[in-house]
Amino acid sequence: MYTGKIIPLKLTIISLLSLSALFFCPFIGITSFSLQEVISKEEFRFIFFQIRIPRTLAAFFTGGGLAVAGMVFQALFRNPLASPYTLGVSGGASLGAALCIAAGAGSSIMGISIISLGAIGGGVLSMVLIYGFLLSKESNSATLVLAGVVVSTVCSGLIMFIHQISPLHHAFQIMRWTMGGVDGINYQLLLIMLIPVLLFFLVVTILLPQLDQFMTGDDIAYTRGVNIRLSRNILISITALAVGFMVATCGPIGFVGIIAPHACRIIIPGVRHRMLALCSFLIGASFLTISDTIARVIAQPAEIPVGIITAIFGGPFFLIVLFRRKNRLMM
């Protein structure tokens, strides 16, 4: 076990970097300004509090939520490549949203748009399919990720088909939504997303000791008093629901769920899931917050969807994880 004073020091540094991103990023954009200008000028105050703050908070909690979701999936399925993106949850949510957009569903139920409900339903349905595959006798952790990739590929194909046959304005909305982004987030959308995400954090925090036991295998975990089926069902359900809400609000943002947990394991190796969850949240939150800031300044006056930025950084990191895993298997 990795002990000593190094862990608190590294966690302190990660926390400071994460909080710095949360504090400074709202001041940066196509129009950058200082705190003094926010206080003294009405137009900057409006941009800061009505646009930048909800957008930054959405990026922060979505990044942290996707990171913790990736950590949970990796522990439950004992596969380091598992994440909301690779397991097809994001793809299913995107398909659900695309179907609702193409159908012209613009109304809402209890403040939640039909498009968001479609995304939530699609994400949960994809997770049900993957979980059903997990319960089959022929499945293992490697084929599980392959099944997730197949689900994502099928969903992507269906989304492209819907995009091609939809009217121009619906096709543009589908294309823009599937790129992912936290632009256009207001406080109402932020609150709708935060409630299930915070509930997800609470449930995961309570069940963190079970995640440590899951890593030892189902048989050993069972002998240590863990209710395997109940704990797994609760974690899969609440994680899929939270991911559905995050994707419904911000679109499919890839690689955050796989980058953050592995970066944490590299920075602080050997820690239990209680420490891993906190570290993953902070890294995922700061990564998406900084990526969103880059997305809105790198091509001024245009703005790039943040999903493109995370893919540019996340793709190479995913390959690094694959090669590290291959080298360990060969040793």
C-alpha atoms as a PDB file:
ATOM      1  CA  MET A   1       0.000   0.000   0.000  1.00  0.00           C
ATOM      2  CA  TYR A   2       1.250   3.448  -0.898  1.00  0.00           C
ATOM      3  CA  THR A   3       1.744   5.268   2.455  1.00  0.00           C
ATOM      4  CA  GLY A   4       3.546   8.208   4.026  1.00  0.00           C
ATOM      5  CA  LYS A   5       3.204  11.923   3.574  1.00  0.00           C
ATOM      6  CA  ILE A   6       3.275  11.759  -0.237  1.00  0.00           C
ATOM      7  CA  ILE A   7      -0.444  11.005  -0.635  1.00  0.00           C
ATOM      8  CA  PRO A   8      -1.702  14.054   1.332  1.00  0.00           C
ATOM      9  CA  LEU A   9       0.804  16.261  -0.492  1.00  0.00           C
ATOM     10  CA  LYS A  10      -0.259  15.047  -3.938  1.00  0.00           C
ATOM     11  CA  LEU A  11      -3.937  15.288  -3.049  1.00  0.00           C
ATOM     12  CA  THR A  12      -3.400  18.839  -1.816  1.00  0.00           C
ATOM     13  CA  ILE A  13      -1.698  19.794  -5.089  1.00  0.00           C
ATOM     14  CA  ILE A  14      -4.469  18.176  -7.170  1.00  0.00           C
ATOM     15  CA  SER A  15      -7.127  19.920  -5.054  1.00  0.00           C
ATOM     16  CA  LEU A  16      -5.448  23.312  -5.446  1.00  0.00           C
ATOM     17  CA  LEU A  17      -5.138  22.865  -9.219  1.00  0.00           C
ATOM     18  CA  SER A  18      -8.770  21.793  -9.475  1.00  0.00           C
ATOM     19  CA  LEU A  19     -10.038  24.721  -7.390  1.00  0.00           C
ATOM     20  CA  SER A  20      -7.819  27.092  -9.371  1.00  0.00           C
ATOM     21  CA  ALA A  21      -9.432  25.889 -12.601  1.00  0.00           C
ATOM     22  CA  LEU A  22     -12.872  26.370 -11.047  1.00  0.00           C
ATOM     23  CA  PHE A  23     -12.013  29.918  -9.950  1.00  0.00           C
ATOM     24  CA  PHE A  24     -10.035  31.281 -12.911  1.00  0.00           C
ATOM     25  CA  CYS A  25     -11.728  29.646 -15.930  1.00  0.00           C
ATOM     26  CA  PRO A  26     -14.944  31.750 -15.735  1.00  0.00           C
ATOM     27  CA  PHE A  27     -12.842  34.867 -16.372  1.00  0.00           C
ATOM     28  CA  ILE A  28     -11.412  33.455 -19.626  1.00  0.00           C
ATOM     29  CA  GLY A  29     -13.207  33.397 -22.968  1.00  0.00           C
ATOM     30  CA  ILE A  30     -13.758  35.290 -26.198  1.00  0.00           C
ATOM     31  CA  THR A  31     -14.129  38.278 -23.888  1.00  0.00           C
ATOM     32  CA  SER A  32     -11.770  37.961 -20.920  1.00  0.00           C
ATOM     33  CA  PHE A  33     -12.040  40.219 -17.905  1.00  0.00           C
ATOM     34  CA  SER A  34     -10.804  40.664 -14.349  1.00  0.00           C
ATOM     35  CA  LEU A  35     -12.647  40.407 -11.045  1.00  0.00           C
ATOM     36  CA  GLN A  36     -12.583  44.184 -10.745  1.00  0.00           C
ATOM     37  CA  GLU A  37     -14.317  44.532 -14.126  1.00  0.00           C
ATOM     38  CA  VAL A  38     -16.964  42.028 -13.068  1.00  0.00           C
ATOM     39  CA  ILE A  39     -17.704  44.110  -9.985  1.00  0.00           C
ATOM     40  CA  SER A  40     -17.715  47.473 -11.761  1.00  0.00           C
ATOM     41  CA  LYS A  41     -19.308  46.760 -15.172  1.00  0.00           C
ATOM     42  CA  GLU A  42     -22.858  45.510 -15.650  1.00  0.00           C
ATOM     43  CA  GLU A  43     -22.220  43.750 -18.984  1.00  0.00           C
ATOM     44  CA  PHE A  44     -19.291  41.762 -17.592  1.00  0.00           C
ATOM     45  CA  ARG A  45     -21.282  40.943 -14.474  1.00  0.00           C
ATOM     46  CA  PHE A  46     -24.074  39.489 -16.642  1.00  0.00           C
ATOM     47  CA  ILE A  47     -21.646  37.404 -18.724  1.00  0.00           C
ATOM     48  CA  PHE A  48     -19.867  36.180 -15.598  1.00  0.00           C
ATOM     49  CA  PHE A  49     -22.864  35.197 -13.456  1.00  0.00           C
ATOM     50  CA  GLN A  50     -25.444  34.228 -16.087  1.00  0.00           C
ATOM     51  CA  ILE A  51     -23.220  32.501 -18.670  1.00  0.00           C
ATOM     52  CA  ARG A  52     -19.745  31.643 -17.386  1.00  0.00           C
ATOM     53  CA  ILE A  53     -20.583  30.481 -13.835  1.00  0.00           C
ATOM     54  CA  PRO A  54     -23.296  27.915 -14.750  1.00  0.00           C
ATOM     55  CA  ARG A  55     -21.192  26.744 -17.687  1.00  0.00           C
ATOM     56  CA  THR A  56     -18.082  26.272 -15.539  1.00  0.00           C
ATOM     57  CA  LEU A  57     -20.019  24.504 -12.783  1.00  0.00           C
ATOM     58  CA  ALA A  58     -21.600  22.194 -15.373  1.00  0.00           C
ATOM     59  CA  ALA A  59     -18.171  21.330 -16.796  1.00  0.00           C
ATOM     60  CA  PHE A  60     -16.724  20.835 -13.305  1.00  0.00           C
ATOM     61  CA  PHE A  61     -19.406  18.464 -12.008  1.00  0.00           C
ATOM     62  CA  THR A  62     -19.876  16.670 -15.334  1.00  0.00           C
ATOM     63  CA  GLY A  63     -16.143  16.010 -15.577  1.00  0.00           C
ATOM     64  CA  GLY A  64     -16.020  14.804 -11.987  1.00  0.00           C
ATOM     65  CA  GLY A  65     -19.159  12.723 -12.436  1.00  0.00           C
ATOM     66  CA  LEU A  66     -17.930  11.003 -15.596  1.00  0.00           C
ATOM     67  CA  ALA A  67     -14.592  10.309 -13.894  1.00  0.00           C
ATOM     68  CA  VAL A  68     -16.234   8.667 -10.876  1.00  0.00           C
ATOM     69  CA  ALA A  69     -18.578   6.741 -13.198  1.00  0.00           C
ATOM     70  CA  GLY A  70     -15.547   5.411 -15.074  1.00  0.00           C
ATOM     71  CA  MET A  71     -13.928   4.371 -11.791  1.00  0.00           C
ATOM     72  CA  VAL A  72     -17.115   2.546 -10.732  1.00  0.00           C
ATOM     73  CA  PHE A  73     -17.418   0.672 -14.039  1.00  0.00           C
ATOM     74  CA  GLN A  74     -13.739  -0.317 -13.946  1.00  0.00           C
ATOM     75  CA  ALA A  75     -14.173  -1.766 -10.451  1.00  0.00           C
ATOM     76  CA  LEU A  76     -17.505  -3.495 -11.095  1.00  0.00           C
ATOM     77  CA  PHE A  77     -16.371  -5.168 -14.309  1.00  0.00           C
ATOM     78  CA  ARG A  78     -12.698  -5.480 -13.269  1.00  0.00           C
ATOM     79  CA  ASN A  79     -11.647  -3.987 -16.590  1.00  0.00           C
ATOM     80  CA  PRO A  80      -9.355  -0.934 -16.784  1.00  0.00           C
ATOM     81  CA  LEU A  81     -10.833   0.032 -20.169  1.00  0.00           C
ATOM     82  CA  ALA A  82     -14.418   0.291 -18.918  1.00  0.00           C
ATOM     83  CA  SER A  83     -15.991   3.750 -18.969  1.00  0.00           C
ATOM     84  CA  PRO A  84     -19.349   5.324 -19.886  1.00  0.00           C
ATOM     85  CA  TYR A  85     -17.942   5.926 -23.377  1.00  0.00           C
ATOM     86  CA  THR A  86     -16.450   2.474 -24.050  1.00  0.00           C
ATOM     87  CA  LEU A  87     -19.414   0.589 -22.540  1.00  0.00           C
ATOM     88  CA  GLY A  88     -21.864   2.263 -24.900  1.00  0.00           C
ATOM     89  CA  VAL A  89     -23.804   4.252 -22.288  1.00  0.00           C
ATOM     90  CA  SER A  90     -22.936   7.562 -23.942  1.00  0.00           C
ATOM     91  CA  GLY A  91     -23.771   6.125 -27.372  1.00  0.00           C
ATOM     92  CA  GLY A  92     -27.168   4.910 -26.193  1.00  0.00           C
ATOM     93  CA  ALA A  93     -27.933   8.270 -24.614  1.00  0.00           C
ATOM     94  CA  SER A  94     -26.940  10.032 -27.834  1.00  0.00           C
ATOM     95  CA  LEU A  95     -29.232   7.782 -29.870  1.00  0.00           C
ATOM     96  CA  GLY A  96     -32.140   8.459 -27.523  1.00  0.00           C
ATOM     97  CA  ALA A  97     -31.587  12.205 -27.814  1.00  0.00           C
ATOM     98  CA  ALA A  98     -31.225  12.024 -31.616  1.00  0.00           C
ATOM     99  CA  LEU A  99     -34.538  10.168 -31.932  1.00  0.00           C
ATOM    100  CA  CYS A 100     -36.294  12.826 -29.862  1.00  0.00           C
ATOM    101  CA  ILE A 101     -34.704  15.670 -31.836  1.00  0.00           C
ATOM    102  CA  ALA A 102     -35.700  14.073 -35.147  1.00  0.00           C
ATOM    103  CA  ALA A 103     -39.249  13.627 -33.852  1.00  0.00           C
ATOM    104  CA  GLY A 104     -39.390  17.329 -33.065  1.00  0.00           C
ATOM    105  CA  ALA A 105     -39.972  16.747 -29.349  1.00  0.00           C
ATOM    106  CA  GLY A 106     -39.514  20.197 -27.873  1.00  0.00           C
ATOM    107  CA  SER A 107     -41.767  20.009 -24.820  1.00  0.00           C
ATOM    108  CA  SER A 108     -40.782  19.118 -21.268  1.00  0.00           C
ATOM    109  CA  ILE A 109     -42.073  17.108 -18.315  1.00  0.00           C
ATOM    110  CA  MET A 110     -41.564  18.584 -14.832  1.00  0.00           C
ATOM    111  CA  GLY A 111     -38.938  20.923 -16.227  1.00  0.00           C
ATOM    112  CA  ILE A 112     -36.993  18.130 -17.969  1.00  0.00           C
ATOM    113  CA  SER A 113     -37.034  18.249 -21.770  1.00  0.00           C
ATOM    114  CA  ILE A 114     -38.211  15.268 -23.802  1.00  0.00           C
ATOM    115  CA  ILE A 115     -34.774  15.222 -25.450  1.00  0.00           C
ATOM    116  CA  SER A 116     -33.123  14.854 -22.044  1.00  0.00           C
ATOM    117  CA  LEU A 117     -35.545  12.078 -21.088  1.00  0.00           C
ATOM    118  CA  GLY A 118     -34.746  10.316 -24.362  1.00  0.00           C
ATOM    119  CA  ALA A 119     -31.033  10.546 -23.608  1.00  0.00           C
ATOM    120  CA  ILE A 120     -31.548   9.193 -20.092  1.00  0.00           C
ATOM    121  CA  GLY A 121     -33.652   6.316 -21.380  1.00  0.00           C
ATOM    122  CA  GLY A 122     -31.147   5.480 -24.117  1.00  0.00           C
ATOM    123  CA  GLY A 123     -28.246   5.447 -21.676  1.00  0.00           C
ATOM    124  CA  VAL A 124     -30.059   3.217 -19.193  1.00  0.00           C
ATOM    125  CA  LEU A 125     -31.204   0.837 -21.964  1.00  0.00           C
ATOM    126  CA  SER A 126     -27.630   0.497 -23.252  1.00  0.00           C
ATOM    127  CA  MET A 127     -26.431  -0.319 -19.744  1.00  0.00           C
ATOM    128  CA  VAL A 128     -29.176  -2.939 -19.389  1.00  0.00           C
ATOM    129  CA  LEU A 129     -27.987  -4.588 -22.622  1.00  0.00           C
ATOM    130  CA  ILE A 130     -24.373  -4.604 -21.444  1.00  0.00           C
ATOM    131  CA  TYR A 131     -25.335  -5.915 -18.012  1.00  0.00           C
ATOM    132  CA  GLY A 132     -27.407  -8.664 -19.623  1.00  0.00           C
ATOM    133  CA  PHE A 133     -24.360  -9.652 -21.641  1.00  0.00           C
ATOM    134  CA  LEU A 134     -22.297  -9.670 -18.426  1.00  0.00           C
ATOM    135  CA  LEU A 135     -24.682 -12.184 -16.854  1.00  0.00           C
ATOM    136  CA  SER A 136     -24.187 -14.647 -19.726  1.00  0.00           C
ATOM    137  CA  LYS A 137     -21.759 -17.464 -19.045  1.00  0.00           C
ATOM    138  CA  GLU A 138     -19.642 -16.699 -22.110  1.00  0.00           C
ATOM    139  CA  SER A 139     -18.797 -13.129 -21.043  1.00  0.00           C
ATOM    140  CA  ASN A 140     -15.620 -11.833 -19.430  1.00  0.00           C
ATOM    141  CA  SER A 141     -14.100  -8.421 -18.790  1.00  0.00           C
ATOM    142  CA  ALA A 142     -12.453  -8.269 -22.228  1.00  0.00           C
ATOM    143  CA  THR A 143     -15.527  -9.233 -24.253  1.00  0.00           C
ATOM    144  CA  LEU A 144     -17.587  -6.844 -22.122  1.00  0.00           C
ATOM    145  CA  VAL A 145     -15.721  -3.825 -23.504  1.00  0.00           C
ATOM    146  CA  LEU A 146     -15.981  -5.270 -27.016  1.00  0.00           C
ATOM    147  CA  ALA A 147     -19.736  -5.543 -26.512  1.00  0.00           C
ATOM    148  CA  GLY A 148     -19.773  -1.903 -25.414  1.00  0.00           C
ATOM    149  CA  VAL A 149     -17.854  -0.901 -28.526  1.00  0.00           C
ATOM    150  CA  VAL A 150     -20.376  -2.798 -30.664  1.00  0.00           C
ATOM    151  CA  VAL A 151     -23.265  -1.000 -28.944  1.00  0.00           C
ATOM    152  CA  SER A 152     -21.540   2.360 -29.487  1.00  0.00           C
ATOM    153  CA  THR A 153     -20.882   1.556 -33.146  1.00  0.00           C
ATOM    154  CA  VAL A 154     -24.479   0.499 -33.793  1.00  0.00           C
ATOM    155  CA  CYS A 155     -25.766   3.608 -32.027  1.00  0.00           C
ATOM    156  CA  SER A 156     -23.417   5.811 -34.062  1.00  0.00           C
ATOM    157  CA  GLY A 157     -24.641   4.216 -37.286  1.00  0.00           C
ATOM    158  CA  LEU A 158     -28.266   4.760 -36.319  1.00  0.00           C
ATOM    159  CA  ILE A 159     -27.538   8.369 -35.356  1.00  0.00           C
ATOM    160  CA  MET A 160     -25.954   9.008 -38.754  1.00  0.00           C
ATOM    161  CA  PHE A 161     -28.964   7.405 -40.458  1.00  0.00           C
ATOM    162  CA  ILE A 162     -31.353   9.628 -38.475  1.00  0.00           C
ATOM    163  CA  HIS A 163     -29.157  12.624 -39.289  1.00  0.00           C
ATOM    164  CA  GLN A 164     -29.323  11.916 -43.021  1.00  0.00           C
ATOM    165  CA  ILE A 165     -33.101  11.552 -43.220  1.00  0.00           C
ATOM    166  CA  SER A 166     -33.959  14.451 -40.869  1.00  0.00           C
ATOM    167  CA  PRO A 167     -34.881  17.985 -41.982  1.00  0.00           C
ATOM    168  CA  LEU A 168     -31.974  20.410 -42.144  1.00  0.00           C
ATOM    169  CA  HIS A 169     -32.651  22.182 -38.843  1.00  0.00           C
ATOM    170  CA  HIS A 170     -33.047  18.872 -36.994  1.00  0.00           C
ATOM    171  CA  ALA A 171     -29.947  17.443 -38.683  1.00  0.00           C
ATOM    172  CA  PHE A 172     -27.878  20.433 -37.577  1.00  0.00           C
ATOM    173  CA  GLN A 173     -29.174  20.124 -34.010  1.00  0.00           C
ATOM    174  CA  ILE A 174     -28.328  16.410 -33.932  1.00  0.00           C
ATOM    175  CA  MET A 175     -24.829  16.995 -35.278  1.00  0.00           C
ATOM    176  CA  ARG A 176     -24.133  19.797 -32.820  1.00  0.00           C
ATOM    177  CA  TRP A 177     -25.543  17.887 -29.864  1.00  0.00           C
ATOM    178  CA  THR A 178     -23.511  14.732 -30.551  1.00  0.00           C
ATOM    179  CA  MET A 179     -20.272  16.755 -30.435  1.00  0.00           C
ATOM    180  CA  GLY A 180     -20.830  17.479 -26.748  1.00  0.00           C
ATOM    181  CA  GLY A 181     -20.627  20.820 -25.020  1.00  0.00           C
ATOM    182  CA  VAL A 182     -21.566  22.787 -21.917  1.00  0.00           C
ATOM    183  CA  ASP A 183     -22.452  25.984 -23.772  1.00  0.00           C
ATOM    184  CA  GLY A 184     -26.012  27.147 -23.305  1.00  0.00           C
ATOM    185  CA  ILE A 185     -26.236  25.770 -19.765  1.00  0.00           C
ATOM    186  CA  ASN A 186     -28.373  27.846 -17.423  1.00  0.00           C
ATOM    187  CA  TYR A 187     -29.044  27.470 -13.709  1.00  0.00           C
ATOM    188  CA  GLN A 188     -32.229  25.462 -14.273  1.00  0.00           C
ATOM    189  CA  LEU A 189     -30.460  22.869 -16.441  1.00  0.00           C
ATOM    190  CA  LEU A 190     -27.556  22.831 -14.000  1.00  0.00           C
ATOM    191  CA  LEU A 191     -29.870  22.080 -11.076  1.00  0.00           C
ATOM    192  CA  ILE A 192     -31.700  19.328 -12.979  1.00  0.00           C
ATOM    193  CA  MET A 193     -28.353  17.654 -13.677  1.00  0.00           C
ATOM    194  CA  LEU A 194     -26.849  18.210 -10.226  1.00  0.00           C
ATOM    195  CA  ILE A 195     -29.617  16.491  -8.249  1.00  0.00           C
ATOM    196  CA  PRO A 196     -29.081  12.967  -9.709  1.00  0.00           C
ATOM    197  CA  VAL A 197     -25.314  13.475  -9.925  1.00  0.00           C
ATOM    198  CA  LEU A 198     -25.055  14.424  -6.237  1.00  0.00           C
ATOM    199  CA  LEU A 199     -27.282  11.445  -5.368  1.00  0.00           C
ATOM    200  CA  PHE A 200     -24.894   9.295  -7.407  1.00  0.00           C
ATOM    201  CA  PHE A 201     -21.925  10.661  -5.439  1.00  0.00           C
ATOM    202  CA  LEU A 202     -23.702   9.889  -2.156  1.00  0.00           C
ATOM    203  CA  VAL A 203     -24.519   6.285  -3.091  1.00  0.00           C
ATOM    204  CA  VAL A 204     -21.010   5.640  -4.424  1.00  0.00           C
ATOM    205  CA  THR A 205     -19.468   7.109  -1.254  1.00  0.00           C
ATOM    206  CA  ILE A 206     -21.533   4.724   0.879  1.00  0.00           C
ATOM    207  CA  LEU A 207     -20.605   1.707  -1.270  1.00  0.00           C
ATOM    208  CA  LEU A 208     -16.899   2.502  -1.758  1.00  0.00           C
ATOM    209  CA  PRO A 209     -15.776  -0.351   0.567  1.00  0.00           C
ATOM    210  CA  GLN A 210     -17.720  -2.792  -1.638  1.00  0.00           C
ATOM    211  CA  LEU A 211     -15.808  -1.558  -4.691  1.00  0.00           C
ATOM    212  CA  ASP A 212     -12.555  -2.588  -3.005  1.00  0.00           C
ATOM    213  CA  GLN A 213     -14.028  -6.053  -2.485  1.00  0.00           C
ATOM    214  CA  PHE A 214     -15.283  -6.291  -6.083  1.00  0.00           C
ATOM    215  CA  MET A 215     -11.687  -5.988  -7.281  1.00  0.00           C
ATOM    216  CA  THR A 216     -10.817  -9.234  -5.460  1.00  0.00           C
ATOM    217  CA  GLY A 217     -13.427 -11.187  -7.437  1.00  0.00           C
ATOM    218  CA  ASP A 218     -17.046 -12.129  -6.772  1.00  0.00           C
ATOM    219  CA  ASP A 219     -16.254 -15.298  -4.820  1.00  0.00           C
ATOM    220  CA  ILE A 220     -13.874 -13.623  -2.384  1.00  0.00           C
ATOM    221  CA  ALA A 221     -16.160 -10.609  -2.027  1.00  0.00           C
ATOM    222  CA  TYR A 222     -19.057 -12.949  -1.207  1.00  0.00           C
ATOM    223  CA  THR A 223     -17.070 -14.698   1.533  1.00  0.00           C
ATOM    224  CA  ARG A 224     -16.365 -11.269   3.054  1.00  0.00           C
ATOM    225  CA  GLY A 225     -20.060 -10.531   3.427  1.00  0.00           C
ATOM    226  CA  VAL A 226     -20.708  -8.428   0.315  1.00  0.00           C
ATOM    227  CA  ASN A 227     -24.145  -8.821  -1.262  1.00  0.00           C
ATOM    228  CA  ILE A 228     -22.788  -9.056  -4.800  1.00  0.00           C
ATOM    229  CA  ARG A 229     -26.021  -8.865  -6.764  1.00  0.00           C
ATOM    230  CA  LEU A 230     -27.608  -6.077  -4.703  1.00  0.00           C
ATOM    231  CA  SER A 231     -24.490  -3.882  -4.616  1.00  0.00           C
ATOM    232  CA  ARG A 232     -23.810  -4.356  -8.327  1.00  0.00           C
ATOM    233  CA  ASN A 233     -27.419  -3.644  -9.302  1.00  0.00           C
ATOM    234  CA  ILE A 234     -27.527  -0.472  -7.192  1.00  0.00           C
ATOM    235  CA  LEU A 235     -24.204   0.819  -8.523  1.00  0.00           C
ATOM    236  CA  ILE A 236     -24.976   0.033 -12.160  1.00  0.00           C
ATOM    237  CA  SER A 237     -28.456   1.590 -11.935  1.00  0.00           C
ATOM    238  CA  ILE A 238     -27.415   4.822 -10.217  1.00  0.00           C
ATOM    239  CA  THR A 239     -24.312   5.189 -12.404  1.00  0.00           C
ATOM    240  CA  ALA A 240     -26.234   4.678 -15.648  1.00  0.00           C
ATOM    241  CA  LEU A 241     -28.900   7.135 -14.463  1.00  0.00           C
ATOM    242  CA  ALA A 242     -26.326   9.789 -13.531  1.00  0.00           C
ATOM    243  CA  VAL A 243     -24.465   9.342 -16.827  1.00  0.00           C
ATOM    244  CA  GLY A 244     -27.783   9.642 -18.650  1.00  0.00           C
ATOM    245  CA  PHE A 245     -28.491  12.985 -16.978  1.00  0.00           C
ATOM    246  CA  MET A 246     -24.962  14.256 -17.668  1.00  0.00           C
ATOM    247  CA  VAL A 247     -25.108  13.247 -21.330  1.00  0.00           C
ATOM    248  CA  ALA A 248     -28.631  14.657 -21.593  1.00  0.00           C
ATOM    249  CA  THR A 249     -27.375  18.019 -20.338  1.00  0.00           C
ATOM    250  CA  CYS A 250     -23.943  18.252 -21.975  1.00  0.00           C
ATOM    251  CA  GLY A 251     -24.017  15.736 -24.810  1.00  0.00           C
ATOM    252  CA  PRO A 252     -21.641  12.778 -25.176  1.00  0.00           C
ATOM    253  CA  ILE A 253     -18.215  13.847 -23.902  1.00  0.00           C
ATOM    254  CA  GLY A 254     -15.741  11.024 -24.370  1.00  0.00           C
ATOM    255  CA  PHE A 255     -12.598   9.823 -22.618  1.00  0.00           C
ATOM    256  CA  VAL A 256     -13.057  11.737 -19.330  1.00  0.00           C
ATOM    257  CA  GLY A 257     -14.234   8.557 -17.611  1.00  0.00           C
ATOM    258  CA  ILE A 258     -11.130   6.654 -18.634  1.00  0.00           C
ATOM    259  CA  ILE A 259      -8.507   9.411 -18.393  1.00  0.00           C
ATOM    260  CA  ALA A 260      -9.173  10.549 -14.828  1.00  0.00           C
ATOM    261  CA  PRO A 261      -9.104   7.194 -12.947  1.00  0.00           C
ATOM    262  CA  HIS A 262      -5.960   6.054 -14.765  1.00  0.00           C
ATOM    263  CA  ALA A 263      -4.239   9.405 -14.278  1.00  0.00           C
ATOM    264  CA  CYS A 264      -5.034   9.099 -10.583  1.00  0.00           C
ATOM    265  CA  ARG A 265      -3.586   5.579 -10.435  1.00  0.00           C
ATOM    266  CA  ILE A 266      -0.414   6.839 -12.119  1.00  0.00           C
ATOM    267  CA  ILE A 267      -0.058   9.846  -9.798  1.00  0.00           C
ATOM    268  CA  ILE A 268      -1.040   8.027  -6.585  1.00  0.00           C
ATOM    269  CA  PRO A 269      -0.569   4.279  -7.151  1.00  0.00           C
ATOM    270  CA  GLY A 270      -1.945   1.636  -4.834  1.00  0.00           C
ATOM    271  CA  VAL A 271      -4.704   3.617  -3.120  1.00  0.00           C
ATOM    272  CA  ARG A 272      -8.119   2.259  -2.179  1.00  0.00           C
ATOM    273  CA  HIS A 273     -11.294   3.433  -3.873  1.00  0.00           C
ATOM    274  CA  ARG A 274     -12.097   5.987  -1.161  1.00  0.00           C
ATOM    275  CA  MET A 275      -8.992   7.943  -2.130  1.00  0.00           C
ATOM    276  CA  LEU A 276      -9.277   7.003  -5.801  1.00  0.00           C
ATOM    277  CA  ALA A 277     -12.816   8.408  -6.013  1.00  0.00           C
ATOM    278  CA  LEU A 278     -11.795  11.806  -4.633  1.00  0.00           C
ATOM    279  CA  CYS A 279      -8.708  12.016  -6.830  1.00  0.00           C
ATOM    280  CA  SER A 280     -10.619  10.895  -9.941  1.00  0.00           C
ATOM    281  CA  PHE A 281     -13.333  13.473  -9.315  1.00  0.00           C
ATOM    282  CA  LEU A 282     -10.821  16.313  -8.972  1.00  0.00           C
ATOM    283  CA  ILE A 283      -8.828  15.312 -12.062  1.00  0.00           C
ATOM    284  CA  GLY A 284     -11.944  14.749 -14.185  1.00  0.00           C
ATOM    285  CA  ALA A 285     -13.498  18.016 -13.018  1.00  0.00           C
ATOM    286  CA  SER A 286     -10.407  20.097 -13.732  1.00  0.00           C
ATOM    287  CA  PHE A 287      -9.762  18.309 -17.055  1.00  0.00           C
ATOM    288  CA  LEU A 288     -13.210  19.072 -18.470  1.00  0.00           C
ATOM    289  CA  THR A 289     -13.245  22.613 -17.052  1.00  0.00           C
ATOM    290  CA  ILE A 290      -9.890  23.424 -18.650  1.00  0.00           C
ATOM    291  CA  SER A 291     -10.893  21.660 -21.891  1.00  0.00           C
ATOM    292  CA  ASP A 292     -14.040  23.795 -22.092  1.00  0.00           C
ATOM    293  CA  THR A 293     -11.960  26.938 -21.572  1.00  0.00           C
ATOM    294  CA  ILE A 294      -9.616  25.879 -24.375  1.00  0.00           C
ATOM    295  CA  ALA A 295     -12.625  25.135 -26.600  1.00  0.00           C
ATOM    296  CA  ARG A 296     -13.969  28.665 -26.293  1.00  0.00           C
ATOM    297  CA  VAL A 297     -10.684  30.527 -26.892  1.00  0.00           C
ATOM    298  CA  ILE A 298      -8.625  28.404 -29.302  1.00  0.00           C
ATOM    299  CA  ALA A 299     -10.548  29.373 -32.468  1.00  0.00           C
ATOM    300  CA  GLN A 300     -11.892  32.836 -31.644  1.00  0.00           C
ATOM    301  CA  PRO A 301     -14.399  34.172 -32.507  1.00  0.00           C
ATOM    302  CA  ALA A 302     -15.751  30.679 -33.229  1.00  0.00           C
ATOM    303  CA  GLU A 303     -16.208  28.162 -30.439  1.00  0.00           C
ATOM    304  CA  ILE A 304     -15.235  24.499 -30.699  1.00  0.00           C
ATOM    305  CA  PRO A 305     -17.409  21.841 -28.986  1.00  0.00           C
ATOM    306  CA  VAL A 306     -15.607  20.600 -25.895  1.00  0.00           C
ATOM    307  CA  GLY A 307     -16.081  16.976 -26.997  1.00  0.00           C
ATOM    308  CA  ILE A 308     -13.555  17.616 -29.770  1.00  0.00           C
ATOM    309  CA  ILE A 309     -10.955  18.853 -27.273  1.00  0.00           C
ATOM    310  CA  THR A 310     -11.425  15.877 -24.927  1.00  0.00           C
ATOM    311  CA  ALA A 311     -11.131  13.491 -27.893  1.00  0.00           C
ATOM    312  CA  ILE A 312      -7.867  15.118 -29.024  1.00  0.00           C
ATOM    313  CA  PHE A 313      -6.330  14.685 -25.575  1.00  0.00           C
ATOM    314  CA  GLY A 314      -8.159  11.498 -24.626  1.00  0.00           C
ATOM    315  CA  GLY A 315      -7.455   9.420 -27.732  1.00  0.00           C
ATOM    316  CA  PRO A 316      -3.663   9.285 -27.245  1.00  0.00           C
ATOM    317  CA  PHE A 317      -4.110   8.669 -23.504  1.00  0.00           C
ATOM    318  CA  PHE A 318      -6.429   5.744 -24.283  1.00  0.00           C
ATOM    319  CA  LEU A 319      -3.711   4.237 -26.492  1.00  0.00           C
ATOM    320  CA  ILE A 320      -1.199   4.672 -23.662  1.00  0.00           C
ATOM    321  CA  VAL A 321      -3.510   2.752 -21.324  1.00  0.00           C
ATOM    322  CA  LEU A 322      -3.849  -0.025 -23.920  1.00  0.00           C
ATOM    323  CA  PHE A 323      -0.074  -0.336 -24.346  1.00  0.00           C
ATOM    324  CA  ARG A 324       0.527  -0.292 -20.574  1.00  0.00           C
ATOM    325  CA  ARG A 325      -2.032  -3.065 -20.150  1.00  0.00           C
ATOM    326  CA  LYS A 326      -0.485  -5.092 -22.994  1.00  0.00           C
ATOM    327  CA  ASN A 327       3.020  -4.761 -21.531  1.00  0.00           C
ATOM    328  CA  ARG A 328       1.825  -5.917 -18.105  1.00  0.00           C
ATOM    329  CA  LEU A 329       0.143  -8.968 -19.621  1.00  0.00           C
ATOM    330  CA  MET A 330       3.360  -9.871 -21.461  1.00  0.00           C
ATOM    331  CA  MET A 331       5.530  -9.615 -18.326  1.00  0.00           C
END
